[in-house]
Protein backbone atom coordinates (compact mmCIF):
# COMPACT_ATOMS: atom_id res chain seq x y z
CA MET A 1 2.35 20.95 -36.18
CA PRO A 2 -0.50 22.96 -34.81
CA PRO A 3 -3.16 24.51 -36.53
CA ALA A 4 -2.01 27.72 -38.45
CA ASP A 5 -4.87 30.05 -36.29
CA THR A 6 -3.21 28.89 -33.20
CA TYR A 7 0.14 30.74 -34.02
CA ILE A 8 0.36 34.08 -31.95
CA ARG A 9 -0.01 37.10 -34.99
CA HIS A 10 -0.69 39.89 -32.76
CA ALA A 11 1.07 42.11 -30.16
CA LEU A 12 1.27 44.41 -28.42
CA LEU A 13 4.62 46.23 -26.95
CA LEU A 14 4.50 48.48 -23.88
CA HIS A 15 8.01 50.79 -24.25
CA GLY A 16 9.70 51.42 -20.88
CA ALA A 17 9.72 54.79 -18.42
CA GLY A 18 10.51 57.84 -20.92
CA ALA A 19 10.38 56.15 -24.08
CA GLY A 20 7.71 55.82 -26.15
CA GLY A 21 6.63 53.90 -29.13
CA TRP A 22 9.68 54.56 -31.06
CA GLU A 23 11.34 52.16 -29.00
CA TRP A 24 9.60 49.01 -30.67
CA ASN A 25 11.04 50.21 -34.43
CA LEU A 26 12.99 47.22 -34.74
CA TRP A 27 11.29 44.46 -33.55
CA ARG A 28 7.97 45.84 -35.53
CA GLU A 29 9.77 44.97 -38.59
CA VAL A 30 11.71 41.73 -37.18
CA LEU A 31 7.78 40.69 -35.81
CA HIS A 32 6.49 41.65 -39.27
CA ALA A 33 8.32 39.30 -40.64
CA ARG A 34 7.47 36.31 -39.13
CA GLY A 35 4.07 37.64 -39.77
CA ILE A 36 3.16 38.87 -36.62
CA GLU A 37 0.60 42.27 -36.55
CA THR A 38 1.75 44.91 -33.66
CA HIS A 39 0.20 47.30 -31.35
CA ALA A 40 3.40 50.13 -30.71
CA PRO A 41 1.60 52.81 -28.35
CA ASP A 42 2.66 55.65 -26.75
CA LEU A 43 1.47 55.44 -23.00
CA GLN A 44 -0.75 58.76 -22.27
CA PRO A 45 -0.19 60.87 -18.81
CA ALA A 46 -3.82 60.65 -16.82
CA ALA A 47 -5.91 63.76 -17.98
CA VAL A 48 -5.32 65.16 -14.54
CA GLY A 49 -1.62 65.74 -16.04
CA LEU A 50 1.53 63.49 -15.63
CA GLU A 51 2.34 63.92 -12.04
CA ALA A 52 -1.15 63.21 -10.94
CA THR A 53 -0.18 59.74 -13.62
CA THR A 54 -0.18 56.46 -11.26
CA LEU A 55 0.67 53.14 -12.32
CA ALA A 56 -2.84 51.44 -12.42
CA ASP A 57 -3.81 54.67 -15.71
CA TYR A 58 -0.78 52.87 -17.49
CA ARG A 59 -2.13 49.45 -16.36
CA GLU A 60 -6.30 50.18 -17.77
CA GLN A 61 -4.19 52.11 -21.22
CA ALA A 62 -2.44 48.81 -21.18
CA ARG A 63 -5.36 46.42 -20.51
CA ALA A 64 -7.73 47.44 -22.89
CA ALA A 65 -4.75 48.20 -26.13
CA LEU A 66 -4.53 44.55 -25.75
CA ALA A 67 -7.96 43.25 -25.40
CA ALA A 68 -8.41 45.15 -28.45
CA LEU A 69 -6.32 42.58 -30.50
CA PRO A 70 -7.84 39.73 -31.50
CA ARG A 71 -6.73 36.09 -30.50
CA PRO A 72 -3.72 34.65 -30.49
CA ARG A 73 -2.05 37.96 -28.92
CA ALA A 74 1.19 38.73 -27.08
CA ALA A 75 2.17 41.19 -24.57
CA ILE A 76 5.68 42.14 -24.79
CA GLY A 77 7.06 44.81 -22.43
CA ALA A 78 10.33 46.43 -21.66
CA SER A 79 11.55 47.91 -18.55
CA LEU A 80 7.72 49.85 -16.98
CA GLY A 81 6.67 47.86 -19.96
CA GLY A 82 7.72 44.09 -18.47
CA LEU A 83 5.49 44.72 -15.49
CA LEU A 84 2.94 46.35 -17.23
CA ALA A 85 2.94 43.46 -19.70
CA TRP A 86 3.01 41.44 -16.84
CA LEU A 87 -0.48 42.78 -14.79
CA CYS A 88 -2.12 42.00 -18.79
CA GLY A 89 -1.01 38.45 -18.33
CA ASP A 90 -4.77 37.52 -18.18
CA LEU A 91 -6.08 38.96 -20.97
CA ALA A 92 -2.62 37.30 -22.97
CA ASP A 93 -1.52 34.17 -24.86
CA ALA A 94 2.15 34.43 -24.82
CA LEU A 95 4.19 37.75 -23.06
CA VAL A 96 7.52 38.52 -23.66
CA LEU A 97 9.49 40.72 -20.92
CA VAL A 98 12.80 42.72 -21.93
CA ASN A 99 14.50 43.42 -18.56
CA PRO A 100 11.35 43.43 -16.43
CA LEU A 101 10.93 46.04 -13.54
CA PRO A 102 9.84 42.52 -11.38
CA PRO A 103 6.41 42.65 -9.20
CA ALA A 104 6.76 41.84 -5.76
CA PRO A 105 8.72 40.20 -3.82
CA TRP A 106 11.21 40.40 -6.18
CA ALA A 107 11.27 43.97 -6.72
CA GLY A 108 11.84 44.12 -3.04
CA GLU A 109 15.45 43.48 -4.57
CA ALA A 110 16.22 46.13 -5.69
CA PRO A 111 18.11 49.34 -4.06
CA ALA A 112 15.16 51.66 -2.26
CA ARG A 113 14.91 55.12 -4.57
CA THR A 114 12.36 58.17 -4.52
CA TRP A 115 11.81 60.48 -7.46
CA PRO A 116 10.53 63.72 -8.43
CA ALA A 117 6.44 64.60 -8.63
CA ARG A 118 8.02 64.72 -12.51
CA VAL A 119 10.77 63.35 -13.96
CA PRO A 120 12.15 65.69 -16.40
CA TRP A 121 13.90 63.11 -18.92
CA GLN A 122 12.72 65.21 -21.45
CA ARG A 123 14.18 68.35 -20.08
CA GLU A 124 17.45 67.22 -19.08
CA ALA A 125 17.93 64.74 -21.75
CA ARG A 126 21.92 65.71 -23.17
CA LEU A 127 23.66 63.96 -25.09
CA ALA A 128 26.38 62.53 -23.28
CA SER A 129 24.17 61.27 -21.00
CA THR A 130 22.33 59.19 -23.89
CA ARG A 131 25.49 57.71 -24.56
CA ARG A 132 26.01 56.66 -21.23
CA ALA A 133 21.94 54.96 -20.98
CA MET A 134 22.81 53.42 -23.94
CA PRO A 135 26.65 52.11 -24.42
CA ASP A 136 25.35 49.46 -26.95
CA ALA A 137 24.05 51.40 -29.59
CA ASP A 138 24.98 53.15 -32.72
CA GLU A 139 25.92 57.18 -32.64
CA ALA A 140 21.74 56.95 -35.25
CA ALA A 141 20.65 55.52 -32.26
CA THR A 142 22.04 57.66 -29.49
CA LEU A 143 20.70 60.77 -31.83
CA TYR A 144 17.31 59.84 -32.24
CA ALA A 145 16.04 58.43 -29.35
CA LEU A 146 17.92 61.77 -27.29
CA ARG A 147 15.13 63.72 -29.49
CA ARG A 148 12.48 61.56 -28.01
CA TRP A 149 13.40 60.84 -24.25
CA ARG A 150 10.23 62.30 -22.15
CA ASP A 151 8.97 63.05 -19.01
CA GLU A 152 7.58 60.90 -16.71
CA SER A 153 5.61 60.71 -13.64
CA GLY A 154 7.50 59.66 -9.94
CA ALA A 155 4.25 58.04 -9.11
CA VAL A 156 4.54 55.98 -11.38
CA LEU A 157 8.05 54.72 -11.35
CA SER A 158 7.91 55.05 -7.15
CA GLU A 159 4.32 52.31 -7.30
CA ALA A 160 6.65 50.48 -9.77
CA VAL A 161 10.28 49.90 -7.84
CA ALA A 162 7.87 49.64 -4.28
CA GLY A 163 7.06 45.96 -5.98
CA ILE A 164 3.00 45.76 -7.25
CA GLU A 165 1.69 42.39 -6.21
CA ALA A 166 1.08 40.25 -9.35
CA PRO A 167 -0.65 36.66 -9.64
CA ARG A 168 1.51 34.29 -11.65
CA PRO A 169 -0.45 34.08 -15.34
CA ASP A 170 -1.20 30.98 -17.13
CA CYS A 171 0.48 31.58 -20.25
CA PRO A 172 4.09 30.78 -21.29
CA CYS A 173 6.08 33.73 -20.63
CA LEU A 174 9.77 34.43 -21.83
CA CYS A 175 12.14 36.90 -20.38
CA ILE A 176 14.81 38.84 -21.52
CA ALA A 177 17.94 39.83 -19.79
CA SER A 178 20.90 42.22 -20.75
CA HIS A 179 24.51 41.25 -18.75
CA GLY A 180 25.01 45.00 -18.23
CA ASP A 181 21.38 46.09 -17.21
CA THR A 182 22.43 49.09 -14.16
CA ASP A 183 19.09 49.61 -13.81
CA VAL A 184 17.52 46.17 -13.44
CA ASP A 185 20.44 43.19 -12.06
CA PRO A 186 20.21 40.70 -14.49
CA ARG A 187 20.18 37.73 -11.36
CA THR A 188 16.60 39.24 -10.68
CA THR A 189 15.78 38.75 -13.97
CA ALA A 190 16.53 34.85 -13.76
CA ARG A 191 14.98 34.38 -10.40
CA PHE A 192 11.47 35.82 -11.03
CA ALA A 193 11.55 34.23 -14.31
CA ALA A 194 13.07 30.66 -12.56
CA ALA A 195 10.33 31.53 -9.94
CA VAL A 196 7.04 31.49 -12.47
CA GLY A 197 8.19 28.92 -14.98
CA ALA A 198 9.44 31.31 -17.70
CA SER A 199 11.61 30.24 -20.11
CA LEU A 200 15.33 32.97 -19.66
CA ILE A 201 17.13 33.95 -22.66
CA ALA A 202 20.76 36.53 -21.18
CA LEU A 203 22.18 38.73 -23.47
CA PRO A 204 24.53 40.84 -23.50
CA GLY A 205 24.83 44.46 -23.72
CA SER A 206 22.37 47.85 -21.30
CA HIS A 207 18.69 48.23 -20.30
CA VAL A 208 17.86 49.17 -24.19
CA GLY A 209 20.31 47.42 -25.68
CA PRO A 210 17.89 44.42 -26.67
CA LEU A 211 15.62 47.19 -28.17
CA LEU A 212 18.41 50.06 -29.18
CA GLY A 213 21.83 48.42 -28.99
CA ARG A 214 23.52 47.02 -32.24
CA ASP A 215 22.02 43.60 -30.90
CA ALA A 216 18.44 44.32 -31.30
CA ALA A 217 17.11 42.86 -34.63
CA ARG A 218 19.62 39.74 -32.47
CA ALA A 219 16.95 40.10 -29.73
CA ALA A 220 13.85 40.66 -31.44
CA ALA A 221 14.49 38.21 -33.98
CA GLN A 222 15.04 35.06 -30.57
CA ALA A 223 11.94 36.05 -29.59
CA ALA A 224 9.83 35.78 -32.28
CA ASP A 225 11.48 32.85 -32.66
CA TRP A 226 10.50 31.87 -28.85
CA LEU A 227 6.84 32.47 -30.55
CA SER A 228 6.66 30.63 -32.99
CA ALA A 229 7.36 28.17 -30.75
CA ARG A 230 4.40 27.92 -28.64
C-alpha cells in the first residue's frame, strides 16, 4: 500500500457552461466522505464583461485555483469544465473528466455550431427545457438547476467547440462517458480516452446525469474509487 501522503486529498471541481460550483454538491459530499477536500468555484466573467470573456480567462482562473491547492491534488471537470481540467493537467496529480468537451483533434468530430455573444441560458431558462436537459434527474434536482442556470460567453463556447490544441499531461486520467449524452458523443469520449491512455467508465444517463441525475452518487463513488487507487 502506498504511503498515506501520496493519496489524492484535494480536488478542484470545474463546472460546465451555464452552470456553477453548485452542480458538484453531491460529488462534494461523496468525496469529503472519502477524505478528499474539494474546492468548487464559480468561473467568473472577465472584467470587460461576459460577452468579451474568452476561454483563456477561464483557463487562467482554473489554473490559479488548482495551483493554490496542496498536493497531491486532482482536477475534476464536467463538460466545458472537463476541457479546462485537461488544460490544467500539468498542475494536477490526477484528472477526472466527465462528459468533457474534448481538445483538438477530437473536437472536430462534433457538428459545427455558432453562438451569440451572450448565450441567454439564465434569461430563457424554462422548466420544460430543463427537464429535457435532465431526463434522468428527479423533480427536486430539476427545480434546483432551473433556478441556477446562468448566461454564458458565446466566445468561450465557440473556442471550445472549435478545438484547442493541448498536450497530454503526465498524470493519470479518468474519463466518464454517458450513453445518453446528446451534447458530447460518448463514442468521441471513448476514442479520446483510448488515444490519450485514459481509463474509461461508461454510464447510462444524460450529459449532466453524472452530476445531477438519480445515479450521480454512484458516478461520484466510482470516481472516488478510481482516485483512491492511484
